[in-house]
Amino acid sequence: MATATILRRPKPLADLLHELGDLPASRIRMNPRPKTATEKDVIALQKREGGLFELVDGTLVEKPMGMHESIVAAVLSHFLMSFVLPRKLGLIAGPDGMFRLTKGLVRMPDVSFVSWDQFPGGKISKEPIANLAPKLAAEVISKSNTRAEIKRKLREYFKAGVLLAWIVDPRKRTVAVHTRPTKPTMLKETETLDGGDVLPGFQLPLRELFAILDEEAPN
């Protein structure tokens, strides 16, 4: 006796966008179709187009980064590398560094710190996606990042093993310091960011981080 095949209807786009953090539709890659994408698609897309896409629930989500966000992330990376590398504490990755937080979930923090003891055998894997969660993840938010999206990322980060997260807002010139998904410590431009238990001794006056945004060409 033949059995009928039940076809599932694709989830409406509005529901999907809400699920992903109330994202604008322009940030969703429609090919491959949402809910069907894999890590191979993330890697192929990065090689082919150079775009930054995270993999979330089988959906490719564009990672937005404008000029201001990119500059601030680069400056933050500079300060972190100046502290981490001479002390041989680990490595700093940029916004194209891919981390497999769990099966089917690939995130790319704008700046991240991974300690040497996290690498199997103390060696950097040649795989394009690191099968670990960084100890520190920093996100420099842009206009198209939503509050719900950042909340979701924070939940995923800490569930995967991230110990410290910084949410950097270049427009407000603030940093939200998280040691858990909720109830961050908010730092203003007049205050100093530190590495907490993850990077003891690291200190960065936020005026130095955001000063780059006021730079002008020399006369």
N, C-alpha and C. Protein backbone atom coordinates (compact mmCIF):
# COMPACT_ATOMS: atom_id res chain seq x y z
N MET A 1 0.85 -1.19 0.00
CA MET A 1 0.00 0.00 0.00
C MET A 1 0.88 1.23 0.00
N ALA A 2 0.64 2.11 -0.96
CA ALA A 2 1.46 3.31 -1.08
C ALA A 2 1.13 4.28 0.04
N THR A 3 2.16 4.98 0.52
CA THR A 3 1.95 6.00 1.56
C THR A 3 2.17 7.38 0.96
N ALA A 4 1.39 8.31 1.42
CA ALA A 4 1.50 9.68 0.91
C ALA A 4 2.73 10.36 1.49
N THR A 5 3.40 11.13 0.67
CA THR A 5 4.55 11.91 1.13
C THR A 5 4.06 13.28 1.61
N ILE A 6 4.41 13.60 2.84
CA ILE A 6 3.99 14.88 3.40
C ILE A 6 5.09 15.90 3.19
N LEU A 7 4.79 16.95 2.47
CA LEU A 7 5.77 18.01 2.21
C LEU A 7 5.56 19.14 3.21
N ARG A 8 6.66 19.52 3.85
CA ARG A 8 6.57 20.63 4.79
C ARG A 8 6.68 21.96 4.06
N ARG A 9 5.81 22.86 4.41
CA ARG A 9 5.89 24.18 3.80
C ARG A 9 7.06 24.96 4.40
N PRO A 10 7.78 25.71 3.56
CA PRO A 10 8.84 26.54 4.11
C PRO A 10 8.26 27.55 5.11
N LYS A 11 9.00 27.83 6.14
CA LYS A 11 8.54 28.79 7.14
C LYS A 11 8.45 30.17 6.51
N PRO A 12 7.37 30.94 6.77
CA PRO A 12 7.26 32.29 6.21
C PRO A 12 8.47 33.13 6.59
N LEU A 13 8.90 34.00 5.68
CA LEU A 13 10.11 34.79 5.89
C LEU A 13 10.02 35.63 7.16
N ALA A 14 8.84 36.18 7.43
CA ALA A 14 8.68 37.03 8.62
C ALA A 14 8.96 36.24 9.90
N ASP A 15 8.50 34.99 9.92
CA ASP A 15 8.76 34.15 11.10
C ASP A 15 10.24 33.84 11.24
N LEU A 16 10.88 33.57 10.11
CA LEU A 16 12.31 33.27 10.12
C LEU A 16 13.12 34.47 10.61
N LEU A 17 12.79 35.65 10.11
CA LEU A 17 13.51 36.86 10.51
C LEU A 17 13.36 37.12 12.01
N HIS A 18 12.16 36.88 12.52
CA HIS A 18 11.92 37.05 13.96
C HIS A 18 12.74 36.04 14.76
N GLU A 19 12.77 34.83 14.28
CA GLU A 19 13.50 33.75 14.94
C GLU A 19 15.00 34.07 15.04
N LEU A 20 15.51 34.71 14.01
CA LEU A 20 16.94 35.01 13.94
C LEU A 20 17.31 36.29 14.69
N GLY A 21 16.31 36.99 15.20
CA GLY A 21 16.59 38.21 15.96
C GLY A 21 16.02 39.46 15.34
N ASP A 22 14.85 39.33 14.69
CA ASP A 22 14.18 40.47 14.04
C ASP A 22 15.11 41.16 13.04
N LEU A 23 15.73 40.36 12.20
CA LEU A 23 16.69 40.89 11.23
C LEU A 23 16.00 41.49 10.02
N PRO A 24 16.66 42.43 9.34
CA PRO A 24 16.14 42.90 8.06
C PRO A 24 16.33 41.80 7.01
N ALA A 25 15.37 41.69 6.11
CA ALA A 25 15.41 40.62 5.10
C ALA A 25 16.64 40.71 4.21
N SER A 26 17.19 41.91 4.06
CA SER A 26 18.35 42.11 3.19
C SER A 26 19.58 41.36 3.68
N ARG A 27 19.59 40.92 4.94
CA ARG A 27 20.75 40.24 5.48
C ARG A 27 20.66 38.71 5.36
N ILE A 28 19.57 38.22 4.80
CA ILE A 28 19.39 36.77 4.65
C ILE A 28 19.75 36.35 3.24
N ARG A 29 20.61 35.37 3.13
CA ARG A 29 20.98 34.82 1.83
C ARG A 29 19.93 33.79 1.43
N MET A 30 19.32 33.99 0.27
CA MET A 30 18.22 33.13 -0.15
C MET A 30 18.69 31.92 -0.97
N ASN A 31 19.95 31.92 -1.37
CA ASN A 31 20.50 30.79 -2.13
C ASN A 31 21.84 30.41 -1.51
N PRO A 32 21.90 29.24 -0.87
CA PRO A 32 20.87 28.21 -0.77
C PRO A 32 19.69 28.63 0.10
N ARG A 33 18.59 27.96 -0.11
CA ARG A 33 17.36 28.31 0.56
C ARG A 33 17.54 28.25 2.09
N PRO A 34 17.00 29.24 2.82
CA PRO A 34 17.08 29.24 4.28
C PRO A 34 16.65 27.90 4.87
N LYS A 35 17.36 27.49 5.91
CA LYS A 35 17.16 26.24 6.64
C LYS A 35 17.83 25.04 5.96
N THR A 36 18.48 25.28 4.79
CA THR A 36 19.14 24.18 4.09
C THR A 36 20.65 24.38 3.95
N ALA A 37 21.16 25.53 4.36
CA ALA A 37 22.58 25.83 4.18
C ALA A 37 23.43 24.99 5.13
N THR A 38 24.69 24.80 4.74
CA THR A 38 25.63 24.01 5.54
C THR A 38 26.94 24.78 5.70
N GLU A 39 27.85 24.19 6.48
CA GLU A 39 29.16 24.82 6.66
C GLU A 39 29.89 24.93 5.32
N LYS A 40 29.69 23.96 4.44
CA LYS A 40 30.33 24.02 3.13
C LYS A 40 29.90 25.27 2.37
N ASP A 41 28.64 25.66 2.54
CA ASP A 41 28.15 26.87 1.87
C ASP A 41 28.81 28.11 2.44
N VAL A 42 29.02 28.14 3.76
CA VAL A 42 29.68 29.29 4.39
C VAL A 42 31.09 29.44 3.84
N ILE A 43 31.83 28.34 3.79
CA ILE A 43 33.21 28.36 3.32
C ILE A 43 33.29 28.74 1.85
N ALA A 44 32.42 28.14 1.04
CA ALA A 44 32.42 28.41 -0.40
C ALA A 44 32.08 29.86 -0.68
N LEU A 45 31.13 30.41 0.06
CA LEU A 45 30.70 31.79 -0.14
C LEU A 45 31.82 32.76 0.20
N GLN A 46 32.53 32.46 1.28
CA GLN A 46 33.63 33.33 1.69
C GLN A 46 34.75 33.31 0.65
N LYS A 47 35.04 32.13 0.11
CA LYS A 47 36.09 32.01 -0.90
C LYS A 47 35.68 32.67 -2.20
N ARG A 48 34.41 32.49 -2.56
CA ARG A 48 33.93 32.96 -3.87
C ARG A 48 33.68 34.46 -3.89
N GLU A 49 33.08 34.98 -2.83
CA GLU A 49 32.65 36.38 -2.84
C GLU A 49 33.36 37.23 -1.80
N GLY A 50 34.00 36.58 -0.83
CA GLY A 50 34.67 37.35 0.21
C GLY A 50 33.73 37.96 1.23
N GLY A 51 32.46 37.63 1.13
CA GLY A 51 31.48 38.17 2.08
C GLY A 51 31.52 37.42 3.40
N LEU A 52 31.07 38.08 4.44
CA LEU A 52 31.03 37.47 5.76
C LEU A 52 29.61 37.01 6.06
N PHE A 53 29.42 35.70 6.16
CA PHE A 53 28.11 35.13 6.46
C PHE A 53 28.24 34.12 7.59
N GLU A 54 27.37 34.25 8.57
CA GLU A 54 27.30 33.28 9.66
C GLU A 54 26.24 32.24 9.32
N LEU A 55 26.39 31.06 9.91
CA LEU A 55 25.42 29.98 9.69
C LEU A 55 24.59 29.82 10.95
N VAL A 56 23.29 30.08 10.82
CA VAL A 56 22.40 30.02 11.97
C VAL A 56 21.17 29.19 11.60
N ASP A 57 21.01 28.05 12.23
CA ASP A 57 19.85 27.20 11.95
C ASP A 57 19.68 26.91 10.46
N GLY A 58 20.78 26.62 9.78
CA GLY A 58 20.71 26.30 8.37
C GLY A 58 20.47 27.49 7.47
N THR A 59 20.64 28.69 7.99
CA THR A 59 20.40 29.92 7.22
C THR A 59 21.67 30.76 7.20
N LEU A 60 22.02 31.28 6.03
CA LEU A 60 23.18 32.15 5.91
C LEU A 60 22.76 33.58 6.22
N VAL A 61 23.38 34.15 7.25
CA VAL A 61 23.05 35.50 7.70
C VAL A 61 24.25 36.40 7.49
N GLU A 62 24.06 37.45 6.72
CA GLU A 62 25.16 38.37 6.45
C GLU A 62 25.60 39.07 7.72
N LYS A 63 26.89 39.20 7.89
CA LYS A 63 27.46 39.90 9.04
C LYS A 63 27.78 41.33 8.59
N PRO A 64 27.02 42.31 9.07
CA PRO A 64 27.23 43.67 8.60
C PRO A 64 28.41 44.33 9.28
N MET A 65 29.18 45.10 8.53
CA MET A 65 30.27 45.87 9.12
C MET A 65 30.58 47.05 8.21
N GLY A 66 30.23 48.26 8.66
CA GLY A 66 30.54 49.46 7.91
C GLY A 66 31.94 49.94 8.24
N MET A 67 32.31 51.08 7.67
CA MET A 67 33.66 51.60 7.86
C MET A 67 33.96 51.91 9.32
N HIS A 68 33.03 52.59 10.01
CA HIS A 68 33.26 52.93 11.42
C HIS A 68 33.47 51.67 12.26
N GLU A 69 32.61 50.68 12.05
CA GLU A 69 32.71 49.45 12.83
C GLU A 69 34.03 48.72 12.54
N SER A 70 34.41 48.70 11.27
CA SER A 70 35.64 48.03 10.88
C SER A 70 36.87 48.70 11.50
N ILE A 71 36.88 50.02 11.51
CA ILE A 71 38.01 50.75 12.08
C ILE A 71 38.12 50.49 13.57
N VAL A 72 37.00 50.57 14.28
CA VAL A 72 37.01 50.35 15.73
C VAL A 72 37.44 48.92 16.04
N ALA A 73 36.96 47.95 15.27
CA ALA A 73 37.34 46.55 15.48
C ALA A 73 38.84 46.36 15.26
N ALA A 74 39.38 47.04 14.24
CA ALA A 74 40.81 46.93 13.95
C ALA A 74 41.65 47.53 15.08
N VAL A 75 41.20 48.66 15.62
CA VAL A 75 41.93 49.29 16.73
C VAL A 75 41.87 48.40 17.97
N LEU A 76 40.70 47.83 18.24
CA LEU A 76 40.56 46.93 19.38
C LEU A 76 41.48 45.72 19.21
N SER A 77 41.53 45.17 18.00
CA SER A 77 42.43 44.05 17.73
C SER A 77 43.88 44.43 17.99
N HIS A 78 44.24 45.64 17.58
CA HIS A 78 45.62 46.12 17.78
C HIS A 78 45.99 46.13 19.26
N PHE A 79 45.12 46.69 20.09
CA PHE A 79 45.41 46.77 21.52
C PHE A 79 45.48 45.37 22.14
N LEU A 80 44.57 44.50 21.72
CA LEU A 80 44.58 43.14 22.26
C LEU A 80 45.83 42.37 21.83
N MET A 81 46.19 42.49 20.57
CA MET A 81 47.39 41.79 20.09
C MET A 81 48.64 42.31 20.79
N SER A 82 48.69 43.62 21.04
CA SER A 82 49.85 44.20 21.72
C SER A 82 50.01 43.65 23.13
N PHE A 83 48.90 43.19 23.71
CA PHE A 83 48.95 42.61 25.05
C PHE A 83 49.15 41.10 25.00
N VAL A 84 48.43 40.43 24.12
CA VAL A 84 48.40 38.97 24.09
C VAL A 84 49.66 38.35 23.50
N LEU A 85 50.10 38.86 22.35
CA LEU A 85 51.19 38.20 21.63
C LEU A 85 52.53 38.22 22.37
N PRO A 86 52.96 39.35 22.92
CA PRO A 86 54.25 39.33 23.64
C PRO A 86 54.24 38.40 24.84
N ARG A 87 53.09 38.19 25.43
CA ARG A 87 52.99 37.32 26.61
C ARG A 87 52.71 35.87 26.22
N LYS A 88 52.56 35.63 24.92
CA LYS A 88 52.31 34.29 24.40
C LYS A 88 51.09 33.63 25.07
N LEU A 89 50.03 34.44 25.17
CA LEU A 89 48.81 33.95 25.83
C LEU A 89 47.90 33.20 24.88
N GLY A 90 48.00 33.50 23.61
CA GLY A 90 47.12 32.89 22.63
C GLY A 90 47.09 33.72 21.36
N LEU A 91 45.96 33.74 20.69
CA LEU A 91 45.84 34.44 19.41
C LEU A 91 44.59 35.29 19.37
N ILE A 92 44.64 36.32 18.52
CA ILE A 92 43.50 37.20 18.29
C ILE A 92 43.01 36.98 16.86
N ALA A 93 41.72 36.76 16.70
CA ALA A 93 41.13 36.58 15.36
C ALA A 93 40.26 37.78 15.01
N GLY A 94 40.14 38.04 13.71
CA GLY A 94 39.33 39.15 13.22
C GLY A 94 37.94 38.70 12.82
N PRO A 95 37.19 39.56 12.11
CA PRO A 95 35.79 39.28 11.81
C PRO A 95 35.55 38.13 10.85
N ASP A 96 36.59 37.66 10.16
CA ASP A 96 36.41 36.50 9.28
C ASP A 96 36.84 35.20 9.95
N GLY A 97 37.14 35.25 11.24
CA GLY A 97 37.47 34.04 11.99
C GLY A 97 36.21 33.29 12.36
N MET A 98 36.08 32.05 11.87
CA MET A 98 34.84 31.29 12.05
C MET A 98 34.95 30.28 13.18
N PHE A 99 33.92 30.25 14.03
CA PHE A 99 33.89 29.34 15.16
C PHE A 99 32.62 28.49 15.11
N ARG A 100 32.80 27.19 15.25
CA ARG A 100 31.66 26.28 15.33
C ARG A 100 31.25 26.19 16.81
N LEU A 101 30.22 26.92 17.18
CA LEU A 101 29.80 26.94 18.58
C LEU A 101 29.05 25.66 18.94
N THR A 102 28.34 25.13 17.99
CA THR A 102 27.67 23.84 18.12
C THR A 102 27.32 23.39 16.71
N LYS A 103 26.81 22.19 16.56
CA LYS A 103 26.50 21.69 15.23
C LYS A 103 25.49 22.60 14.53
N GLY A 104 25.84 23.08 13.35
CA GLY A 104 24.93 23.93 12.58
C GLY A 104 24.96 25.39 12.97
N LEU A 105 25.87 25.77 13.88
CA LEU A 105 25.93 27.17 14.31
C LEU A 105 27.37 27.67 14.19
N VAL A 106 27.60 28.53 13.21
CA VAL A 106 28.92 29.13 12.99
C VAL A 106 28.81 30.63 13.19
N ARG A 107 29.55 31.13 14.16
CA ARG A 107 29.55 32.57 14.45
C ARG A 107 30.93 33.15 14.17
N MET A 108 30.96 34.46 13.91
CA MET A 108 32.19 35.16 13.56
C MET A 108 32.27 36.46 14.35
N PRO A 109 32.75 36.43 15.58
CA PRO A 109 32.88 37.67 16.34
C PRO A 109 33.78 38.66 15.60
N ASP A 110 33.55 39.94 15.80
CA ASP A 110 34.39 40.94 15.14
C ASP A 110 35.83 40.85 15.63
N VAL A 111 35.99 40.55 16.91
CA VAL A 111 37.32 40.34 17.49
C VAL A 111 37.17 39.21 18.51
N SER A 112 38.14 38.30 18.54
CA SER A 112 38.05 37.21 19.50
C SER A 112 39.44 36.81 19.99
N PHE A 113 39.48 36.28 21.21
CA PHE A 113 40.72 35.78 21.81
C PHE A 113 40.57 34.30 22.10
N VAL A 114 41.56 33.53 21.63
CA VAL A 114 41.61 32.10 21.91
C VAL A 114 42.95 31.81 22.58
N SER A 115 42.92 31.18 23.74
CA SER A 115 44.16 30.87 24.45
C SER A 115 44.80 29.62 23.87
N TRP A 116 46.11 29.48 24.04
CA TRP A 116 46.83 28.35 23.47
C TRP A 116 46.32 27.02 23.99
N ASP A 117 45.86 27.00 25.25
CA ASP A 117 45.41 25.72 25.80
C ASP A 117 44.11 25.22 25.18
N GLN A 118 43.47 26.07 24.36
CA GLN A 118 42.25 25.63 23.69
C GLN A 118 42.53 24.87 22.40
N PHE A 119 43.72 25.04 21.85
CA PHE A 119 44.07 24.36 20.61
C PHE A 119 44.57 22.95 20.91
N PRO A 120 43.99 21.94 20.27
CA PRO A 120 44.45 20.56 20.49
C PRO A 120 45.95 20.44 20.18
N GLY A 121 46.71 19.97 21.15
CA GLY A 121 48.14 19.84 20.95
C GLY A 121 48.88 21.15 20.90
N GLY A 122 48.18 22.25 21.22
CA GLY A 122 48.82 23.56 21.19
C GLY A 122 49.15 24.05 19.79
N LYS A 123 48.45 23.51 18.78
CA LYS A 123 48.70 23.91 17.40
C LYS A 123 47.42 24.43 16.75
N ILE A 124 47.59 25.40 15.87
CA ILE A 124 46.44 25.97 15.16
C ILE A 124 45.96 24.98 14.11
N SER A 125 44.69 24.68 14.13
CA SER A 125 44.13 23.76 13.14
C SER A 125 44.12 24.41 11.75
N LYS A 126 44.29 23.60 10.73
CA LYS A 126 44.23 24.09 9.35
C LYS A 126 42.81 24.11 8.81
N GLU A 127 41.87 23.63 9.60
CA GLU A 127 40.47 23.66 9.18
C GLU A 127 39.97 25.10 9.14
N PRO A 128 39.11 25.46 8.16
CA PRO A 128 38.64 26.84 8.04
C PRO A 128 37.73 27.28 9.18
N ILE A 129 37.07 26.31 9.85
CA ILE A 129 36.18 26.64 10.95
C ILE A 129 36.74 26.01 12.23
N ALA A 130 37.03 26.84 13.22
CA ALA A 130 37.56 26.33 14.48
C ALA A 130 36.46 25.64 15.28
N ASN A 131 36.74 24.45 15.75
CA ASN A 131 35.74 23.68 16.49
C ASN A 131 35.86 24.00 17.99
N LEU A 132 35.64 25.27 18.32
CA LEU A 132 35.74 25.73 19.71
C LEU A 132 35.07 27.09 19.83
N ALA A 133 34.91 27.51 21.07
CA ALA A 133 34.40 28.85 21.34
C ALA A 133 35.52 29.70 21.90
N PRO A 134 35.71 30.92 21.44
CA PRO A 134 36.77 31.76 21.99
C PRO A 134 36.47 32.10 23.45
N LYS A 135 37.52 32.42 24.20
CA LYS A 135 37.29 32.82 25.59
C LYS A 135 36.71 34.24 25.66
N LEU A 136 37.11 35.07 24.68
CA LEU A 136 36.60 36.44 24.59
C LEU A 136 36.02 36.65 23.21
N ALA A 137 34.80 37.18 23.15
CA ALA A 137 34.17 37.53 21.88
C ALA A 137 33.71 38.97 21.95
N ALA A 138 34.10 39.77 20.97
CA ALA A 138 33.70 41.17 20.92
C ALA A 138 32.91 41.42 19.64
N GLU A 139 31.80 42.10 19.80
CA GLU A 139 30.97 42.50 18.66
C GLU A 139 30.92 44.02 18.59
N VAL A 140 31.25 44.57 17.43
CA VAL A 140 31.13 46.01 17.20
C VAL A 140 29.86 46.21 16.41
N ILE A 141 28.85 46.76 17.05
CA ILE A 141 27.52 46.76 16.45
C ILE A 141 27.36 47.86 15.40
N SER A 142 26.59 47.52 14.37
CA SER A 142 26.28 48.46 13.29
C SER A 142 24.78 48.76 13.32
N LYS A 143 24.36 49.63 12.41
CA LYS A 143 22.95 50.05 12.40
C LYS A 143 21.99 48.90 12.14
N SER A 144 22.43 47.91 11.36
CA SER A 144 21.50 46.83 11.02
C SER A 144 21.52 45.68 12.03
N ASN A 145 22.39 45.77 13.03
CA ASN A 145 22.31 44.81 14.13
C ASN A 145 21.10 45.16 14.98
N THR A 146 20.34 44.16 15.41
CA THR A 146 19.18 44.40 16.24
C THR A 146 19.47 43.96 17.68
N ARG A 147 18.69 44.51 18.59
CA ARG A 147 18.86 44.15 20.00
C ARG A 147 18.59 42.66 20.21
N ALA A 148 17.57 42.14 19.54
CA ALA A 148 17.24 40.72 19.68
C ALA A 148 18.35 39.84 19.12
N GLU A 149 18.98 40.27 18.04
CA GLU A 149 20.07 39.51 17.46
C GLU A 149 21.25 39.42 18.43
N ILE A 150 21.60 40.55 19.03
CA ILE A 150 22.73 40.57 19.97
C ILE A 150 22.41 39.73 21.20
N LYS A 151 21.18 39.79 21.67
CA LYS A 151 20.78 38.96 22.82
C LYS A 151 20.92 37.49 22.49
N ARG A 152 20.51 37.12 21.27
CA ARG A 152 20.63 35.72 20.86
C ARG A 152 22.10 35.31 20.79
N LYS A 153 22.93 36.16 20.20
CA LYS A 153 24.35 35.85 20.11
C LYS A 153 24.97 35.64 21.49
N LEU A 154 24.62 36.51 22.42
CA LEU A 154 25.17 36.40 23.77
C LEU A 154 24.77 35.07 24.41
N ARG A 155 23.52 34.67 24.24
CA ARG A 155 23.08 33.37 24.79
C ARG A 155 23.90 32.24 24.19
N GLU A 156 24.09 32.30 22.87
CA GLU A 156 24.85 31.25 22.19
C GLU A 156 26.30 31.24 22.62
N TYR A 157 26.89 32.42 22.72
CA TYR A 157 28.30 32.50 23.11
C TYR A 157 28.53 31.86 24.48
N PHE A 158 27.77 32.27 25.46
CA PHE A 158 28.02 31.77 26.82
C PHE A 158 27.64 30.30 26.96
N LYS A 159 26.64 29.87 26.24
CA LYS A 159 26.27 28.45 26.27
C LYS A 159 27.39 27.60 25.69
N ALA A 160 28.11 28.15 24.70
CA ALA A 160 29.19 27.41 24.03
C ALA A 160 30.50 27.44 24.82
N GLY A 161 30.60 28.34 25.81
CA GLY A 161 31.82 28.37 26.62
C GLY A 161 32.57 29.69 26.62
N VAL A 162 32.07 30.70 25.93
CA VAL A 162 32.69 32.03 26.00
C VAL A 162 32.62 32.53 27.44
N LEU A 163 33.71 33.12 27.90
CA LEU A 163 33.78 33.59 29.29
C LEU A 163 33.57 35.09 29.43
N LEU A 164 33.84 35.81 28.36
CA LEU A 164 33.75 37.28 28.40
C LEU A 164 33.32 37.78 27.04
N ALA A 165 32.35 38.69 27.01
CA ALA A 165 31.89 39.28 25.75
C ALA A 165 31.80 40.79 25.89
N TRP A 166 32.28 41.48 24.86
CA TRP A 166 32.19 42.94 24.82
C TRP A 166 31.30 43.34 23.66
N ILE A 167 30.29 44.14 23.93
CA ILE A 167 29.43 44.69 22.88
C ILE A 167 29.79 46.16 22.74
N VAL A 168 30.47 46.48 21.65
CA VAL A 168 31.02 47.82 21.44
C VAL A 168 30.08 48.61 20.55
N ASP A 169 29.70 49.81 20.99
CA ASP A 169 28.80 50.67 20.22
C ASP A 169 29.55 51.93 19.80
N PRO A 170 30.02 52.02 18.55
CA PRO A 170 30.79 53.18 18.12
C PRO A 170 30.00 54.48 18.12
N ARG A 171 28.67 54.41 17.91
CA ARG A 171 27.88 55.64 17.87
C ARG A 171 27.70 56.23 19.27
N LYS A 172 27.41 55.38 20.25
CA LYS A 172 27.26 55.85 21.62
C LYS A 172 28.59 55.92 22.37
N ARG A 173 29.60 55.30 21.79
CA ARG A 173 30.94 55.21 22.38
C ARG A 173 30.87 54.57 23.77
N THR A 174 30.25 53.41 23.79
CA THR A 174 30.12 52.64 25.02
C THR A 174 30.54 51.20 24.76
N VAL A 175 30.81 50.49 25.84
CA VAL A 175 31.06 49.05 25.76
C VAL A 175 30.26 48.37 26.86
N ALA A 176 29.46 47.39 26.49
CA ALA A 176 28.73 46.58 27.46
C ALA A 176 29.58 45.34 27.74
N VAL A 177 29.98 45.17 28.98
CA VAL A 177 30.85 44.06 29.37
C VAL A 177 29.99 42.95 29.96
N HIS A 178 30.04 41.78 29.33
CA HIS A 178 29.23 40.64 29.75
C HIS A 178 30.12 39.52 30.28
N THR A 179 29.79 39.02 31.45
CA THR A 179 30.35 37.75 31.94
C THR A 179 29.25 36.70 31.98
N ARG A 180 28.08 37.07 31.50
CA ARG A 180 26.92 36.20 31.35
C ARG A 180 26.02 36.89 30.32
N PRO A 181 25.02 36.22 29.80
CA PRO A 181 24.23 36.81 28.71
C PRO A 181 23.49 38.09 29.09
N THR A 182 23.10 38.23 30.34
CA THR A 182 22.30 39.39 30.75
C THR A 182 23.06 40.23 31.78
N LYS A 183 22.49 41.39 32.09
CA LYS A 183 22.99 42.29 33.13
C LYS A 183 24.47 42.64 32.96
N PRO A 184 24.78 43.33 31.86
CA PRO A 184 26.17 43.72 31.63
C PRO A 184 26.58 44.92 32.49
N THR A 185 27.87 45.14 32.55
CA THR A 185 28.41 46.38 33.11
C THR A 185 28.63 47.33 31.95
N MET A 186 28.00 48.52 32.02
CA MET A 186 28.10 49.48 30.93
C MET A 186 29.24 50.46 31.20
N LEU A 187 30.13 50.57 30.23
CA LEU A 187 31.26 51.49 30.35
C LEU A 187 31.11 52.63 29.35
N LYS A 188 31.35 53.85 29.83
CA LYS A 188 31.31 55.02 28.96
C LYS A 188 32.71 55.32 28.43
N GLU A 189 32.77 56.28 27.52
CA GLU A 189 34.03 56.64 26.89
C GLU A 189 35.07 57.13 27.90
N THR A 190 34.62 57.65 29.03
CA THR A 190 35.54 58.17 30.05
C THR A 190 36.12 57.07 30.94
N GLU A 191 35.65 55.81 30.75
CA GLU A 191 36.06 54.73 31.63
C GLU A 191 37.06 53.80 30.94
N THR A 192 37.53 52.81 31.69
CA THR A 192 38.58 51.90 31.19
C THR A 192 38.06 50.48 31.12
N LEU A 193 38.31 49.85 29.97
CA LEU A 193 37.94 48.45 29.75
C LEU A 193 39.08 47.56 30.22
N ASP A 194 38.74 46.49 30.94
CA ASP A 194 39.80 45.56 31.36
C ASP A 194 39.46 44.14 30.94
N GLY A 195 40.46 43.26 31.05
CA GLY A 195 40.32 41.90 30.57
C GLY A 195 39.71 40.94 31.56
N GLY A 196 39.36 41.41 32.76
CA GLY A 196 38.73 40.55 33.75
C GLY A 196 39.57 39.32 34.05
N ASP A 197 38.88 38.21 34.28
CA ASP A 197 39.58 36.95 34.57
C ASP A 197 40.14 36.29 33.32
N VAL A 198 39.71 36.74 32.15
CA VAL A 198 40.17 36.13 30.90
C VAL A 198 41.55 36.65 30.50
N LEU A 199 41.74 37.96 30.62
CA LEU A 199 43.03 38.58 30.31
C LEU A 199 43.43 39.51 31.45
N PRO A 200 43.84 38.94 32.58
CA PRO A 200 44.22 39.77 33.74
C PRO A 200 45.37 40.71 33.38
N GLY A 201 45.19 41.97 33.75
CA GLY A 201 46.22 42.96 33.47
C GLY A 201 45.95 43.80 32.24
N PHE A 202 45.08 43.33 31.35
CA PHE A 202 44.77 44.12 30.16
C PHE A 202 43.88 45.29 30.55
N GLN A 203 44.26 46.48 30.13
CA GLN A 203 43.46 47.67 30.37
C GLN A 203 43.50 48.57 29.14
N LEU A 204 42.35 49.10 28.79
CA LEU A 204 42.23 49.96 27.62
C LEU A 204 41.31 51.13 27.93
N PRO A 205 41.86 52.34 28.13
CA PRO A 205 40.99 53.52 28.27
C PRO A 205 40.15 53.67 27.01
N LEU A 206 38.86 53.75 27.16
CA LEU A 206 38.00 53.78 25.98
C LEU A 206 38.20 55.03 25.14
N ARG A 207 38.70 56.09 25.73
CA ARG A 207 39.03 57.27 24.92
C ARG A 207 40.04 56.91 23.83
N GLU A 208 40.97 56.00 24.17
CA GLU A 208 41.97 55.60 23.19
C GLU A 208 41.37 54.72 22.10
N LEU A 209 40.36 53.94 22.45
CA LEU A 209 39.70 53.09 21.45
C LEU A 209 38.89 53.93 20.47
N PHE A 210 38.14 54.89 20.99
CA PHE A 210 37.24 55.66 20.13
C PHE A 210 37.88 56.92 19.54
N ALA A 211 39.09 57.26 19.97
CA ALA A 211 39.75 58.48 19.48
C ALA A 211 39.95 58.45 17.96
N ILE A 212 40.11 57.24 17.42
CA ILE A 212 40.34 57.10 15.97
C ILE A 212 39.19 57.71 15.16
N LEU A 213 38.00 57.71 15.73
CA LEU A 213 36.83 58.22 15.01
C LEU A 213 36.86 59.74 14.86
N ASP A 214 37.72 60.39 15.64
CA ASP A 214 37.85 61.86 15.56
C ASP A 214 39.07 62.29 14.75
N GLU A 215 39.83 61.33 14.23
CA GLU A 215 41.04 61.65 13.50
C GLU A 215 40.73 62.39 12.20
N GLU A 216 41.62 63.27 11.82
CA GLU A 216 41.54 63.98 10.55
C GLU A 216 42.91 63.94 9.86
N ALA A 217 42.89 64.10 8.56
CA ALA A 217 44.14 64.10 7.82
C ALA A 217 45.01 65.27 8.26
N PRO A 218 46.33 65.05 8.39
CA PRO A 218 47.22 66.14 8.77
C PRO A 218 47.25 67.22 7.70
N ASN A 219 47.41 68.45 8.12
CA ASN A 219 47.46 69.57 7.17
C ASN A 219 48.79 69.55 6.38
